[in-house]
Structures are given as C-alpha cells and as structure tokens.
Amino acid sequence: MAHLVLATGGSRSGKSEFAERYLAACPGRHAYIATARALDAEMKARIDRHQARRPAAWQTFEVPSGLLGQLDHILAHADALLIDCLTLYVSNFLLQRTAQPFADSIAEAEHEWALVLRTLRQSGEKTIVIVTDEVGSGIVPMEPLSRQYRDLLGLLNQQTAAAADEVYVSICGITTEIKAKSVHLPPVEDHS
C-alpha cells in the first residue's frame, strides 16, 4: 500500500517547496503531476518558477483535469509522485461545470477524488505527496462561485487528510506535521 502525504497551507506558505524536498528524499523514479494551466503571463511565470525548482530527472505530467483516467499510466513510471496541486485541479474541475447545479458538482468531485485516492493508495510501495491550499481561513467570499469553490476544496481537503498517513501544514515557511497531533474525541452516545 502506498504512503500518502498531504502538504497544506496558505498561499506562499512554503508548502510546495516542502513537498518537493519531501519527494526528493524518496528513493526511485520521481514524477510530478502539474495541474496548473497557463492562462495568462502571470500564471506562466508562476509555472516557470515551479519548473525551474524541479530536478531535471523528474518526469512531469501536465494534468489540469481527468486525473483518474491518467493515473495508471503515470504510476507505472514513478516510485514517488507529487501532485501540485489539488487547489488548481478543483478550480479547473469547477470551472468546467458552471452550468450544472453545485450539488451535482460536489457529488461528482467527491466521487472522482475518492477513486483517485483509492487508486493512489493501492498503487504499491510508492510515496504520494499531494499539495493543497487551506482556503477556509479567510472571509466568506461575496460571489457564489467563490463560495462554492471554497466549500468544495474544503471537503476534498478533509477527504484527503483523512486518507493520508501524514499531514503537514506550512505557515511562514515553517512546516509542522499535524495528523499525529490531532484530537480524537470519544463517540457521542445517542440517548434518544
């Protein structure tokens, strides 16, 4: 069974750099799944910075959508895999479905991501690192699409953290493992 690691934090928190260092420490063939799309010059510059940091030996797969259909091929070429990032993957997913009811998008996304996580987990003795942003710590967005995005990403982040063996959060470039320190409350008894 694969070892699953989640790296989260806010924008410019250091989570991607941490995830890259974590992956570099893993043995074997390295693969990087890039989910960003260069839709403007500023985003292209961001992508270029990420590419410049990666070792040339890492194989890059550009997968802005449809990850489930490409995972078997990618996993066949990697012993350690970095997905950077779930945040942009969910954005791409949601923007492709603006015409459908949000409840349908949530159900579709949760189902697809559960299958992705199961496929990753069952991929053998691999290390999988997933990067995502923590977007729920700010104010409630004014626009419905922004609220839907925040809610959907929050749900998938929770799903991923529950499946992960390790969960790291980065703040101001400092990264801490938090899953081992999580609080476990006793089950609530039903007295009705």
Protein backbone atom coordinates (compact mmCIF):
# COMPACT_ATOMS: atom_id res chain seq x y z
CA MET A 1 0.00 0.00 0.00
CA ALA A 2 1.28 3.45 -0.89
CA HIS A 3 2.31 6.03 1.71
CA LEU A 4 0.13 9.13 1.30
CA VAL A 5 1.30 12.58 2.42
CA LEU A 6 -0.73 15.81 2.35
CA ALA A 7 1.03 19.20 2.41
CA THR A 8 -1.22 22.19 3.01
CA GLY A 9 -1.03 25.83 3.98
CA GLY A 10 -1.94 29.24 2.66
CA SER A 11 -0.60 30.91 -0.46
CA ARG A 12 3.19 31.40 -0.37
CA SER A 13 3.40 29.44 2.88
CA GLY A 14 6.22 27.17 1.69
CA LYS A 15 4.08 24.05 1.20
CA SER A 16 5.19 23.31 -2.38
CA GLU A 17 8.87 23.74 -1.52
CA PHE A 18 8.39 21.40 1.44
CA ALA A 19 6.59 18.84 -0.74
CA GLU A 20 9.40 18.98 -3.31
CA ARG A 21 12.04 18.42 -0.60
CA TYR A 22 10.00 15.54 0.80
CA LEU A 23 9.71 13.91 -2.62
CA ALA A 24 13.42 14.44 -3.37
CA ALA A 25 14.26 12.44 -0.24
CA CYS A 26 12.29 9.45 -1.54
CA PRO A 27 14.14 6.72 -3.46
CA GLY A 28 13.41 5.65 -7.02
CA ARG A 29 11.82 7.32 -10.02
CA HIS A 30 10.14 10.67 -9.37
CA ALA A 31 7.08 12.04 -11.13
CA TYR A 32 5.40 15.43 -10.82
CA ILE A 33 1.74 15.98 -11.73
CA ALA A 34 1.24 19.65 -12.60
CA THR A 35 -2.39 20.80 -12.51
CA ALA A 36 -1.92 24.50 -13.38
CA ARG A 37 -2.92 25.99 -16.71
CA ALA A 38 -1.00 28.99 -18.09
CA LEU A 39 -3.98 31.18 -18.97
CA ASP A 40 -2.05 34.46 -18.66
CA ALA A 41 1.52 35.78 -18.40
CA GLU A 42 1.50 35.94 -14.60
CA MET A 43 0.43 32.29 -14.30
CA LYS A 44 3.01 31.27 -16.89
CA ALA A 45 5.70 32.96 -14.77
CA ARG A 46 4.50 31.03 -11.69
CA ILE A 47 4.64 27.76 -13.61
CA ASP A 48 8.13 28.61 -14.88
CA ARG A 49 9.34 29.18 -11.29
CA HIS A 50 7.98 25.81 -10.20
CA GLN A 51 9.58 24.09 -13.20
CA ALA A 52 12.95 25.71 -12.50
CA ARG A 53 12.97 24.28 -8.96
CA ARG A 54 12.36 20.69 -10.07
CA PRO A 55 15.26 18.33 -10.79
CA ALA A 56 15.61 17.53 -14.49
CA ALA A 57 15.31 13.80 -13.74
CA TRP A 58 11.73 14.19 -12.50
CA GLN A 59 9.18 13.29 -15.14
CA THR A 60 6.43 15.91 -15.38
CA PHE A 61 2.85 15.12 -16.35
CA GLU A 62 0.54 18.05 -17.06
CA VAL A 63 -2.92 17.03 -15.84
CA PRO A 64 -5.25 20.00 -15.31
CA SER A 65 -8.27 17.65 -15.40
CA GLY A 66 -9.14 13.98 -15.85
CA LEU A 67 -6.52 12.71 -13.41
CA LEU A 68 -8.30 9.43 -12.73
CA GLY A 69 -8.01 8.38 -16.38
CA GLN A 70 -4.25 9.04 -16.44
CA LEU A 71 -3.16 7.68 -13.06
CA ASP A 72 -2.36 4.11 -14.10
CA HIS A 73 -0.01 5.36 -16.83
CA ILE A 74 1.67 7.87 -14.51
CA LEU A 75 2.02 5.43 -11.62
CA ALA A 76 3.72 2.92 -13.93
CA HIS A 77 6.53 5.49 -14.38
CA ALA A 78 7.02 6.54 -10.75
CA ASP A 79 8.05 5.26 -7.35
CA ALA A 80 7.43 8.66 -5.75
CA LEU A 81 4.83 11.09 -7.02
CA LEU A 82 3.98 14.72 -6.28
CA ILE A 83 0.59 16.22 -7.21
CA ASP A 84 0.84 20.02 -7.20
CA CYS A 85 -1.82 20.98 -6.60
CA LEU A 86 -5.34 19.90 -5.64
CA THR A 87 -6.28 23.58 -5.33
CA LEU A 88 -5.90 24.29 -9.05
CA TYR A 89 -7.26 20.88 -10.01
CA VAL A 90 -10.52 21.67 -8.16
CA SER A 91 -10.64 25.12 -9.74
CA ASN A 92 -10.34 23.59 -13.21
CA PHE A 93 -12.96 20.97 -12.32
CA LEU A 94 -15.47 23.52 -11.06
CA LEU A 95 -14.96 25.98 -13.94
CA GLN A 96 -15.76 23.17 -16.39
CA ARG A 97 -19.11 22.63 -14.62
CA THR A 98 -20.53 26.11 -14.02
CA ALA A 99 -23.72 25.23 -15.92
CA GLN A 100 -24.66 22.30 -13.67
CA PRO A 101 -26.14 22.55 -10.16
CA PHE A 102 -23.48 22.88 -7.49
CA ALA A 103 -24.81 19.86 -5.58
CA ASP A 104 -24.10 17.74 -8.68
CA SER A 105 -20.57 19.16 -8.92
CA ILE A 106 -19.90 18.32 -5.27
CA ALA A 107 -21.16 14.76 -5.68
CA GLU A 108 -19.14 14.26 -8.88
CA ALA A 109 -15.96 15.75 -7.39
CA GLU A 110 -16.17 13.74 -4.16
CA HIS A 111 -16.77 10.53 -6.11
CA GLU A 112 -13.90 11.17 -8.55
CA TRP A 113 -11.48 12.18 -5.82
CA ALA A 114 -12.38 9.13 -3.69
CA LEU A 115 -11.48 6.95 -6.70
CA VAL A 116 -8.23 8.89 -7.19
CA LEU A 117 -7.28 8.40 -3.53
CA ARG A 118 -8.14 4.69 -3.67
CA THR A 119 -6.07 4.25 -6.86
CA LEU A 120 -3.13 6.07 -5.27
CA ARG A 121 -3.37 4.00 -2.07
CA GLN A 122 -3.47 0.73 -3.99
CA SER A 123 -0.52 1.62 -6.24
CA GLY A 124 2.02 -0.46 -4.35
CA GLU A 125 5.03 0.61 -2.34
CA LYS A 126 5.06 4.22 -3.51
CA THR A 127 5.13 7.59 -1.80
CA ILE A 128 2.46 10.04 -2.95
CA VAL A 129 2.65 13.70 -1.89
CA ILE A 130 -0.37 15.92 -2.53
CA VAL A 131 -0.21 19.71 -2.20
CA THR A 132 -3.32 21.78 -1.48
CA ASP A 133 -4.17 25.23 -0.18
CA GLU A 134 -6.07 25.90 3.01
CA VAL A 135 -8.65 28.37 1.69
CA GLY A 136 -11.16 28.34 4.54
CA SER A 137 -9.34 30.61 6.96
CA GLY A 138 -10.30 33.92 5.34
CA ILE A 139 -13.55 35.79 4.99
CA VAL A 140 -16.58 34.26 3.30
CA PRO A 141 -16.34 35.25 -0.39
CA MET A 142 -19.05 37.51 -1.80
CA GLU A 143 -19.54 35.67 -5.11
CA PRO A 144 -21.43 32.34 -5.23
CA LEU A 145 -18.80 30.63 -7.41
CA SER A 146 -16.04 31.61 -4.98
CA ARG A 147 -18.06 30.27 -2.03
CA GLN A 148 -18.74 27.04 -3.91
CA TYR A 149 -15.05 26.67 -4.74
CA ARG A 150 -14.01 27.23 -1.12
CA ASP A 151 -16.60 24.73 0.11
CA LEU A 152 -15.71 22.06 -2.45
CA LEU A 153 -11.97 22.36 -1.88
CA GLY A 154 -12.53 22.22 1.88
CA LEU A 155 -14.48 18.97 1.52
CA LEU A 156 -11.82 17.38 -0.69
CA ASN A 157 -9.06 18.58 1.64
CA GLN A 158 -10.83 16.84 4.52
CA GLN A 159 -11.25 13.67 2.44
CA THR A 160 -7.55 13.73 1.53
CA ALA A 161 -6.38 14.41 5.09
CA ALA A 162 -8.49 11.52 6.39
CA ALA A 163 -6.84 9.16 3.86
CA ALA A 164 -3.31 10.49 4.39
CA ASP A 165 -0.70 8.87 6.59
CA GLU A 166 0.94 12.23 7.29
CA VAL A 167 -0.49 15.76 7.06
CA TYR A 168 1.82 18.76 7.11
CA VAL A 169 0.85 22.42 7.38
CA SER A 170 3.18 25.24 6.36
CA ILE A 171 2.93 28.73 7.81
CA CYS A 172 5.52 31.42 7.02
CA GLY A 173 7.87 28.78 5.64
CA ILE A 174 7.71 26.66 8.79
CA THR A 175 6.19 23.21 8.33
CA THR A 176 4.74 21.00 11.05
CA GLU A 177 3.17 17.53 10.92
CA ILE A 178 -0.33 17.78 12.38
CA LYS A 179 -2.10 14.45 11.86
CA ALA A 180 -0.15 12.70 14.62
CA LYS A 181 -1.18 15.53 16.95
CA SER A 182 -4.88 15.54 16.03
CA VAL A 183 -7.53 15.40 18.74
CA HIS A 184 -9.64 12.24 18.89
CA LEU A 185 -12.93 12.79 20.71
CA PRO A 186 -14.95 9.86 22.04
CA PRO A 187 -18.06 8.94 20.05
CA VAL A 188 -21.26 10.74 21.02
CA GLU A 189 -23.83 8.40 22.55
CA ASP A 190 -27.40 8.60 21.32
CA HIS A 191 -29.65 8.94 24.38
CA SER A 192 -32.94 9.16 22.50
